[in-house]
Amino acid sequence: MKIEILGQGCSRCRTLEANTREALEELGLDAEIEKVADIARITAYGVMSTPGMVVDGRVKGSGRIFSREEIVEMLREHEA
């Protein structure tokens, strides 16, 4: 699984990354996490507001910080 955190390194992006790592640990999943700061790559996903989260090439959401619980649910649905 590959997870991309979209944003230019602001505190909101770092919080989303931390929540994502906690969710992965809770689920016992191994994933590659990539921070994407390049505006062209971010907008190529159609994301206009960061932070954003992409799992295996699919945008899961943007514009807010998802909680650990929300990310756990997203990843469970993604794995199903």
PDB file of N, CA and C in Angstrom:
ATOM      1  N   MET A   1       0.843  -1.167   0.000  1.00  0.00           N
ATOM      2  CA  MET A   1       0.000   0.000   0.000  1.00  0.00           C
ATOM      3  C   MET A   1       0.892   1.235   0.000  1.00  0.00           C
ATOM      4  N   LYS A   2       0.507   2.221  -0.798  1.00  0.00           N
ATOM      5  CA  LYS A   2       1.239   3.484  -0.840  1.00  0.00           C
ATOM      6  C   LYS A   2       0.286   4.606  -0.454  1.00  0.00           C
ATOM      7  N   ILE A   3       0.704   5.395   0.524  1.00  0.00           N
ATOM      8  CA  ILE A   3      -0.083   6.524   0.988  1.00  0.00           C
ATOM      9  C   ILE A   3       0.711   7.794   0.721  1.00  0.00           C
ATOM     10  N   GLU A   4       0.053   8.746   0.083  1.00  0.00           N
ATOM     11  CA  GLU A   4       0.682  10.032  -0.181  1.00  0.00           C
ATOM     12  C   GLU A   4      -0.016  11.099   0.660  1.00  0.00           C
ATOM     13  N   ILE A   5       0.781  11.875   1.370  1.00  0.00           N
ATOM     14  CA  ILE A   5       0.280  13.011   2.132  1.00  0.00           C
ATOM     15  C   ILE A   5       0.589  14.253   1.302  1.00  0.00           C
ATOM     16  N   LEU A   6      -0.458  14.939   0.868  1.00  0.00           N
ATOM     17  CA  LEU A   6      -0.307  16.081  -0.022  1.00  0.00           C
ATOM     18  C   LEU A   6      -0.281  17.370   0.778  1.00  0.00           C
ATOM     19  N   GLY A   7       0.762  18.157   0.580  1.00  0.00           N
ATOM     20  CA  GLY A   7       0.870  19.443   1.263  1.00  0.00           C
ATOM     21  C   GLY A   7       2.314  19.883   1.304  1.00  0.00           C
ATOM     22  N   GLN A   8       2.516  21.114   1.677  1.00  0.00           N
ATOM     23  CA  GLN A   8       3.858  21.675   1.607  1.00  0.00           C
ATOM     24  C   GLN A   8       4.584  21.671   2.946  1.00  0.00           C
ATOM     25  N   GLY A   9       4.209  20.776   3.827  1.00  0.00           N
ATOM     26  CA  GLY A   9       4.957  20.612   5.066  1.00  0.00           C
ATOM     27  C   GLY A   9       4.467  21.447   6.227  1.00  0.00           C
ATOM     28  N   CYS A  10       3.267  21.966   6.155  1.00  0.00           N
ATOM     29  CA  CYS A  10       2.728  22.764   7.252  1.00  0.00           C
ATOM     30  C   CYS A  10       2.393  21.859   8.444  1.00  0.00           C
ATOM     31  N   SER A  11       2.055  22.454   9.550  1.00  0.00           N
ATOM     32  CA  SER A  11       1.740  21.668  10.746  1.00  0.00           C
ATOM     33  C   SER A  11       0.536  20.768  10.520  1.00  0.00           C
ATOM     34  N   ARG A  12      -0.427  21.205   9.719  1.00  0.00           N
ATOM     35  CA  ARG A  12      -1.602  20.369   9.422  1.00  0.00           C
ATOM     36  C   ARG A  12      -1.188  19.106   8.659  1.00  0.00           C
ATOM     37  N   CYS A  13      -0.250  19.250   7.739  1.00  0.00           N
ATOM     38  CA  CYS A  13       0.240  18.104   6.970  1.00  0.00           C
ATOM     39  C   CYS A  13       0.996  17.134   7.877  1.00  0.00           C
ATOM     40  N   ARG A  14       1.793  17.670   8.778  1.00  0.00           N
ATOM     41  CA  ARG A  14       2.537  16.825   9.710  1.00  0.00           C
ATOM     42  C   ARG A  14       1.593  16.090  10.657  1.00  0.00           C
ATOM     43  N   THR A  15       0.522  16.745  11.072  1.00  0.00           N
ATOM     44  CA  THR A  15      -0.461  16.093  11.937  1.00  0.00           C
ATOM     45  C   THR A  15      -1.171  14.973  11.190  1.00  0.00           C
ATOM     46  N   LEU A  16      -1.526  15.209   9.925  1.00  0.00           N
ATOM     47  CA  LEU A  16      -2.163  14.164   9.120  1.00  0.00           C
ATOM     48  C   LEU A  16      -1.226  12.976   8.960  1.00  0.00           C
ATOM     49  N   GLU A  17       0.045  13.238   8.738  1.00  0.00           N
ATOM     50  CA  GLU A  17       1.006  12.141   8.619  1.00  0.00           C
ATOM     51  C   GLU A  17       1.093  11.346   9.928  1.00  0.00           C
ATOM     52  N   ALA A  18       1.150  12.038  11.043  1.00  0.00           N
ATOM     53  CA  ALA A  18       1.229  11.358  12.345  1.00  0.00           C
ATOM     54  C   ALA A  18      -0.018  10.517  12.589  1.00  0.00           C
ATOM     55  N   ASN A  19      -1.186  11.062  12.282  1.00  0.00           N
ATOM     56  CA  ASN A  19      -2.435  10.308  12.447  1.00  0.00           C
ATOM     57  C   ASN A  19      -2.455   9.081  11.544  1.00  0.00           C
ATOM     58  N   THR A  20      -1.914   9.220  10.346  1.00  0.00           N
ATOM     59  CA  THR A  20      -1.857   8.103   9.402  1.00  0.00           C
ATOM     60  C   THR A  20      -0.942   7.000   9.935  1.00  0.00           C
ATOM     61  N   ARG A  21       0.202   7.375  10.458  1.00  0.00           N
ATOM     62  CA  ARG A  21       1.127   6.388  11.028  1.00  0.00           C
ATOM     63  C   ARG A  21       0.486   5.659  12.214  1.00  0.00           C
ATOM     64  N   GLU A  22      -0.246   6.389  13.057  1.00  0.00           N
ATOM     65  CA  GLU A  22      -0.931   5.764  14.185  1.00  0.00           C
ATOM     66  C   GLU A  22      -2.000   4.780  13.703  1.00  0.00           C
ATOM     67  N   ALA A  23      -2.743   5.160  12.667  1.00  0.00           N
ATOM     68  CA  ALA A  23      -3.786   4.288  12.120  1.00  0.00           C
ATOM     69  C   ALA A  23      -3.168   3.013  11.542  1.00  0.00           C
ATOM     70  N   LEU A  24      -2.068   3.157  10.823  1.00  0.00           N
ATOM     71  CA  LEU A  24      -1.394   1.991  10.253  1.00  0.00           C
ATOM     72  C   LEU A  24      -0.917   1.057  11.361  1.00  0.00           C
ATOM     73  N   GLU A  25      -0.369   1.633  12.413  1.00  0.00           N
ATOM     74  CA  GLU A  25       0.105   0.820  13.531  1.00  0.00           C
ATOM     75  C   GLU A  25      -1.058   0.084  14.201  1.00  0.00           C
ATOM     76  N   GLU A  26      -2.151   0.794  14.397  1.00  0.00           N
ATOM     77  CA  GLU A  26      -3.332   0.171  15.017  1.00  0.00           C
ATOM     78  C   GLU A  26      -3.836  -1.014  14.200  1.00  0.00           C
ATOM     79  N   LEU A  27      -3.826  -0.860  12.877  1.00  0.00           N
ATOM     80  CA  LEU A  27      -4.322  -1.918  11.995  1.00  0.00           C
ATOM     81  C   LEU A  27      -3.281  -2.988  11.701  1.00  0.00           C
ATOM     82  N   GLY A  28      -2.039  -2.723  12.075  1.00  0.00           N
ATOM     83  CA  GLY A  28      -0.973  -3.675  11.792  1.00  0.00           C
ATOM     84  C   GLY A  28      -0.634  -3.744  10.313  1.00  0.00           C
ATOM     85  N   LEU A  29      -0.831  -2.639   9.607  1.00  0.00           N
ATOM     86  CA  LEU A  29      -0.552  -2.593   8.174  1.00  0.00           C
ATOM     87  C   LEU A  29       0.806  -1.963   7.919  1.00  0.00           C
ATOM     88  N   ASP A  30       1.434  -2.436   6.854  1.00  0.00           N
ATOM     89  CA  ASP A  30       2.700  -1.864   6.421  1.00  0.00           C
ATOM     90  C   ASP A  30       2.414  -1.071   5.153  1.00  0.00           C
ATOM     91  N   ALA A  31       2.859   0.174   5.120  1.00  0.00           N
ATOM     92  CA  ALA A  31       2.617   0.999   3.946  1.00  0.00           C
ATOM     93  C   ALA A  31       3.784   1.950   3.737  1.00  0.00           C
ATOM     94  N   GLU A  32       3.979   2.308   2.490  1.00  0.00           N
ATOM     95  CA  GLU A  32       4.951   3.351   2.153  1.00  0.00           C
ATOM     96  C   GLU A  32       4.222   4.684   2.266  1.00  0.00           C
ATOM     97  N   ILE A  33       4.809   5.612   3.017  1.00  0.00           N
ATOM     98  CA  ILE A  33       4.233   6.948   3.134  1.00  0.00           C
ATOM     99  C   ILE A  33       5.159   7.926   2.430  1.00  0.00           C
ATOM    100  N   GLU A  34       4.583   8.668   1.494  1.00  0.00           N
ATOM    101  CA  GLU A  34       5.353   9.665   0.748  1.00  0.00           C
ATOM    102  C   GLU A  34       4.730  11.040   0.979  1.00  0.00           C
ATOM    103  N   LYS A  35       5.557  12.007   1.307  1.00  0.00           N
ATOM    104  CA  LYS A  35       5.102  13.394   1.431  1.00  0.00           C
ATOM    105  C   LYS A  35       5.238  14.033   0.062  1.00  0.00           C
ATOM    106  N   VAL A  36       4.165  14.619  -0.419  1.00  0.00           N
ATOM    107  CA  VAL A  36       4.160  15.250  -1.738  1.00  0.00           C
ATOM    108  C   VAL A  36       3.950  16.748  -1.551  1.00  0.00           C
ATOM    109  N   ALA A  37       4.981  17.529  -1.866  1.00  0.00           N
ATOM    110  CA  ALA A  37       4.923  18.982  -1.723  1.00  0.00           C
ATOM    111  C   ALA A  37       4.837  19.690  -3.072  1.00  0.00           C
ATOM    112  N   ASP A  38       5.044  18.955  -4.155  1.00  0.00           N
ATOM    113  CA  ASP A  38       5.042  19.545  -5.494  1.00  0.00           C
ATOM    114  C   ASP A  38       3.612  19.931  -5.894  1.00  0.00           C
ATOM    115  N   ILE A  39       3.410  21.222  -6.107  1.00  0.00           N
ATOM    116  CA  ILE A  39       2.073  21.730  -6.427  1.00  0.00           C
ATOM    117  C   ILE A  39       1.494  21.076  -7.680  1.00  0.00           C
ATOM    118  N   ALA A  40       2.319  20.845  -8.687  1.00  0.00           N
ATOM    119  CA  ALA A  40       1.830  20.224  -9.922  1.00  0.00           C
ATOM    120  C   ALA A  40       1.288  18.825  -9.646  1.00  0.00           C
ATOM    121  N   ARG A  41       1.980  18.050  -8.824  1.00  0.00           N
ATOM    122  CA  ARG A  41       1.500  16.699  -8.481  1.00  0.00           C
ATOM    123  C   ARG A  41       0.227  16.765  -7.647  1.00  0.00           C
ATOM    124  N   ILE A  42       0.170  17.732  -6.734  1.00  0.00           N
ATOM    125  CA  ILE A  42      -1.018  17.869  -5.883  1.00  0.00           C
ATOM    126  C   ILE A  42      -2.231  18.227  -6.731  1.00  0.00           C
ATOM    127  N   THR A  43      -2.097  19.213  -7.598  1.00  0.00           N
ATOM    128  CA  THR A  43      -3.234  19.625  -8.425  1.00  0.00           C
ATOM    129  C   THR A  43      -3.590  18.579  -9.479  1.00  0.00           C
ATOM    130  N   ALA A  44      -2.632  17.742  -9.870  1.00  0.00           N
ATOM    131  CA  ALA A  44      -2.932  16.656 -10.819  1.00  0.00           C
ATOM    132  C   ALA A  44      -3.959  15.689 -10.232  1.00  0.00           C
ATOM    133  N   TYR A  45      -3.994  15.589  -8.923  1.00  0.00           N
ATOM    134  CA  TYR A  45      -5.010  14.764  -8.264  1.00  0.00           C
ATOM    135  C   TYR A  45      -6.343  15.498  -8.137  1.00  0.00           C
ATOM    136  N   GLY A  46      -6.394  16.767  -8.518  1.00  0.00           N
ATOM    137  CA  GLY A  46      -7.612  17.550  -8.383  1.00  0.00           C
ATOM    138  C   GLY A  46      -7.767  18.150  -6.993  1.00  0.00           C
ATOM    139  N   VAL A  47      -6.714  18.102  -6.207  1.00  0.00           N
ATOM    140  CA  VAL A  47      -6.749  18.630  -4.849  1.00  0.00           C
ATOM    141  C   VAL A  47      -6.384  20.108  -4.881  1.00  0.00           C
ATOM    142  N   MET A  48      -7.273  20.932  -4.344  1.00  0.00           N
ATOM    143  CA  MET A  48      -7.032  22.372  -4.319  1.00  0.00           C
ATOM    144  C   MET A  48      -6.811  22.888  -2.902  1.00  0.00           C
ATOM    145  N   SER A  49      -7.080  22.057  -1.914  1.00  0.00           N
ATOM    146  CA  SER A  49      -6.919  22.454  -0.525  1.00  0.00           C
ATOM    147  C   SER A  49      -6.188  21.346   0.219  1.00  0.00           C
ATOM    148  N   THR A  50      -5.099  21.715   0.893  1.00  0.00           N
ATOM    149  CA  THR A  50      -4.310  20.727   1.612  1.00  0.00           C
ATOM    150  C   THR A  50      -4.580  20.849   3.106  1.00  0.00           C
ATOM    151  N   PRO A  51      -4.291  19.830   3.861  1.00  0.00           N
ATOM    152  CA  PRO A  51      -3.615  18.605   3.438  1.00  0.00           C
ATOM    153  C   PRO A  51      -4.571  17.676   2.704  1.00  0.00           C
ATOM    154  N   GLY A  52      -3.978  16.775   1.954  1.00  0.00           N
ATOM    155  CA  GLY A  52      -4.746  15.768   1.243  1.00  0.00           C
ATOM    156  C   GLY A  52      -4.141  14.406   1.481  1.00  0.00           C
ATOM    157  N   MET A  53      -4.941  13.390   1.221  1.00  0.00           N
ATOM    158  CA  MET A  53      -4.469  12.017   1.419  1.00  0.00           C
ATOM    159  C   MET A  53      -4.879  11.163   0.226  1.00  0.00           C
ATOM    160  N   VAL A  54      -3.903  10.444  -0.314  1.00  0.00           N
ATOM    161  CA  VAL A  54      -4.112   9.567  -1.464  1.00  0.00           C
ATOM    162  C   VAL A  54      -3.632   8.179  -1.072  1.00  0.00           C
ATOM    163  N   VAL A  55      -4.467   7.171  -1.324  1.00  0.00           N
ATOM    164  CA  VAL A  55      -4.104   5.785  -1.031  1.00  0.00           C
ATOM    165  C   VAL A  55      -4.130   5.007  -2.342  1.00  0.00           C
ATOM    166  N   ASP A  56      -2.982   4.450  -2.690  1.00  0.00           N
ATOM    167  CA  ASP A  56      -2.846   3.674  -3.933  1.00  0.00           C
ATOM    168  C   ASP A  56      -3.424   4.407  -5.137  1.00  0.00           C
ATOM    169  N   GLY A  57      -3.105   5.710  -5.227  1.00  0.00           N
ATOM    170  CA  GLY A  57      -3.506   6.491  -6.381  1.00  0.00           C
ATOM    171  C   GLY A  57      -4.910   7.058  -6.328  1.00  0.00           C
ATOM    172  N   ARG A  58      -5.657   6.801  -5.255  1.00  0.00           N
ATOM    173  CA  ARG A  58      -7.041   7.283  -5.139  1.00  0.00           C
ATOM    174  C   ARG A  58      -7.128   8.322  -4.030  1.00  0.00           C
ATOM    175  N   VAL A  59      -7.649   9.507  -4.361  1.00  0.00           N
ATOM    176  CA  VAL A  59      -7.805  10.565  -3.371  1.00  0.00           C
ATOM    177  C   VAL A  59      -8.861  10.142  -2.359  1.00  0.00           C
ATOM    178  N   LYS A  60      -8.475  10.176  -1.088  1.00  0.00           N
ATOM    179  CA  LYS A  60      -9.407   9.811  -0.009  1.00  0.00           C
ATOM    180  C   LYS A  60     -10.005  11.033   0.656  1.00  0.00           C
ATOM    181  N   GLY A  61      -9.383  12.187   0.466  1.00  0.00           N
ATOM    182  CA  GLY A  61      -9.926  13.413   1.025  1.00  0.00           C
ATOM    183  C   GLY A  61      -8.895  14.515   1.035  1.00  0.00           C
ATOM    184  N   SER A  62      -9.387  15.741   1.236  1.00  0.00           N
ATOM    185  CA  SER A  62      -8.477  16.882   1.282  1.00  0.00           C
ATOM    186  C   SER A  62      -9.137  18.034   2.022  1.00  0.00           C
ATOM    187  N   GLY A  63      -8.288  18.989   2.400  1.00  0.00           N
ATOM    188  CA  GLY A  63      -8.784  20.211   2.996  1.00  0.00           C
ATOM    189  C   GLY A  63      -8.948  20.202   4.497  1.00  0.00           C
ATOM    190  N   ARG A  64      -8.665  19.066   5.134  1.00  0.00           N
ATOM    191  CA  ARG A  64      -8.769  19.017   6.582  1.00  0.00           C
ATOM    192  C   ARG A  64      -7.902  17.898   7.125  1.00  0.00           C
ATOM    193  N   ILE A  65      -7.712  17.914   8.426  1.00  0.00           N
ATOM    194  CA  ILE A  65      -6.923  16.881   9.086  1.00  0.00           C
ATOM    195  C   ILE A  65      -7.871  15.749   9.479  1.00  0.00           C
ATOM    196  N   PHE A  66      -7.631  14.570   8.941  1.00  0.00           N
ATOM    197  CA  PHE A  66      -8.443  13.414   9.307  1.00  0.00           C
ATOM    198  C   PHE A  66      -7.911  12.832  10.608  1.00  0.00           C
ATOM    199  N   SER A  67      -8.820  12.439  11.479  1.00  0.00           N
ATOM    200  CA  SER A  67      -8.427  11.843  12.751  1.00  0.00           C
ATOM    201  C   SER A  67      -7.911  10.422  12.529  1.00  0.00           C
ATOM    202  N   ARG A  68      -7.240   9.898  13.509  1.00  0.00           N
ATOM    203  CA  ARG A  68      -6.755   8.515  13.445  1.00  0.00           C
ATOM    204  C   ARG A  68      -7.928   7.581  13.174  1.00  0.00           C
ATOM    205  N   GLU A  69      -9.049   7.811  13.861  1.00  0.00           N
ATOM    206  CA  GLU A  69     -10.220   6.956  13.699  1.00  0.00           C
ATOM    207  C   GLU A  69     -10.766   7.003  12.274  1.00  0.00           C
ATOM    208  N   GLU A  70     -10.819   8.202  11.686  1.00  0.00           N
ATOM    209  CA  GLU A  70     -11.302   8.338  10.306  1.00  0.00           C
ATOM    210  C   GLU A  70     -10.366   7.615   9.339  1.00  0.00           C
ATOM    211  N   ILE A  71      -9.079   7.719   9.583  1.00  0.00           N
ATOM    212  CA  ILE A  71      -8.106   7.069   8.699  1.00  0.00           C
ATOM    213  C   ILE A  71      -8.201   5.555   8.837  1.00  0.00           C
ATOM    214  N   VAL A  72      -8.387   5.057  10.058  1.00  0.00           N
ATOM    215  CA  VAL A  72      -8.575   3.616  10.259  1.00  0.00           C
ATOM    216  C   VAL A  72      -9.747   3.142   9.409  1.00  0.00           C
ATOM    217  N   GLU A  73     -10.855   3.864   9.455  1.00  0.00           N
ATOM    218  CA  GLU A  73     -12.031   3.471   8.677  1.00  0.00           C
ATOM    219  C   GLU A  73     -11.749   3.525   7.170  1.00  0.00           C
ATOM    220  N   MET A  74     -11.056   4.568   6.709  1.00  0.00           N
ATOM    221  CA  MET A  74     -10.701   4.685   5.287  1.00  0.00           C
ATOM    222  C   MET A  74      -9.868   3.499   4.838  1.00  0.00           C
ATOM    223  N   LEU A  75      -8.879   3.146   5.653  1.00  0.00           N
ATOM    224  CA  LEU A  75      -7.975   2.043   5.286  1.00  0.00           C
ATOM    225  C   LEU A  75      -8.682   0.701   5.336  1.00  0.00           C
ATOM    226  N   ARG A  76      -9.592   0.523   6.279  1.00  0.00           N
ATOM    227  CA  ARG A  76     -10.378  -0.720   6.316  1.00  0.00           C
ATOM    228  C   ARG A  76     -11.224  -0.856   5.055  1.00  0.00           C
ATOM    229  N   GLU A  77     -11.875   0.230   4.659  1.00  0.00           N
ATOM    230  CA  GLU A  77     -12.687   0.211   3.447  1.00  0.00           C
ATOM    231  C   GLU A  77     -11.821  -0.034   2.219  1.00  0.00           C
ATOM    232  N   HIS A  78     -10.643   0.553   2.204  1.00  0.00           N
ATOM    233  CA  HIS A  78      -9.731   0.400   1.076  1.00  0.00           C
ATOM    234  C   HIS A  78      -9.269  -1.058   0.945  1.00  0.00           C
ATOM    235  N   GLU A  79      -9.034  -1.701   2.068  1.00  0.00           N
ATOM    236  CA  GLU A  79      -8.548  -3.081   2.069  1.00  0.00           C
ATOM    237  C   GLU A  79      -9.641  -4.077   1.699  1.00  0.00           C
ATOM    238  N   ALA A  80     -10.907  -3.668   1.875  1.00  0.00           N
ATOM    239  CA  ALA A  80     -12.032  -4.599   1.623  1.00  0.00           C
ATOM    240  C   ALA A  80     -12.242  -4.868   0.154  1.00  0.00           C
TER     241      ALA A  80
END
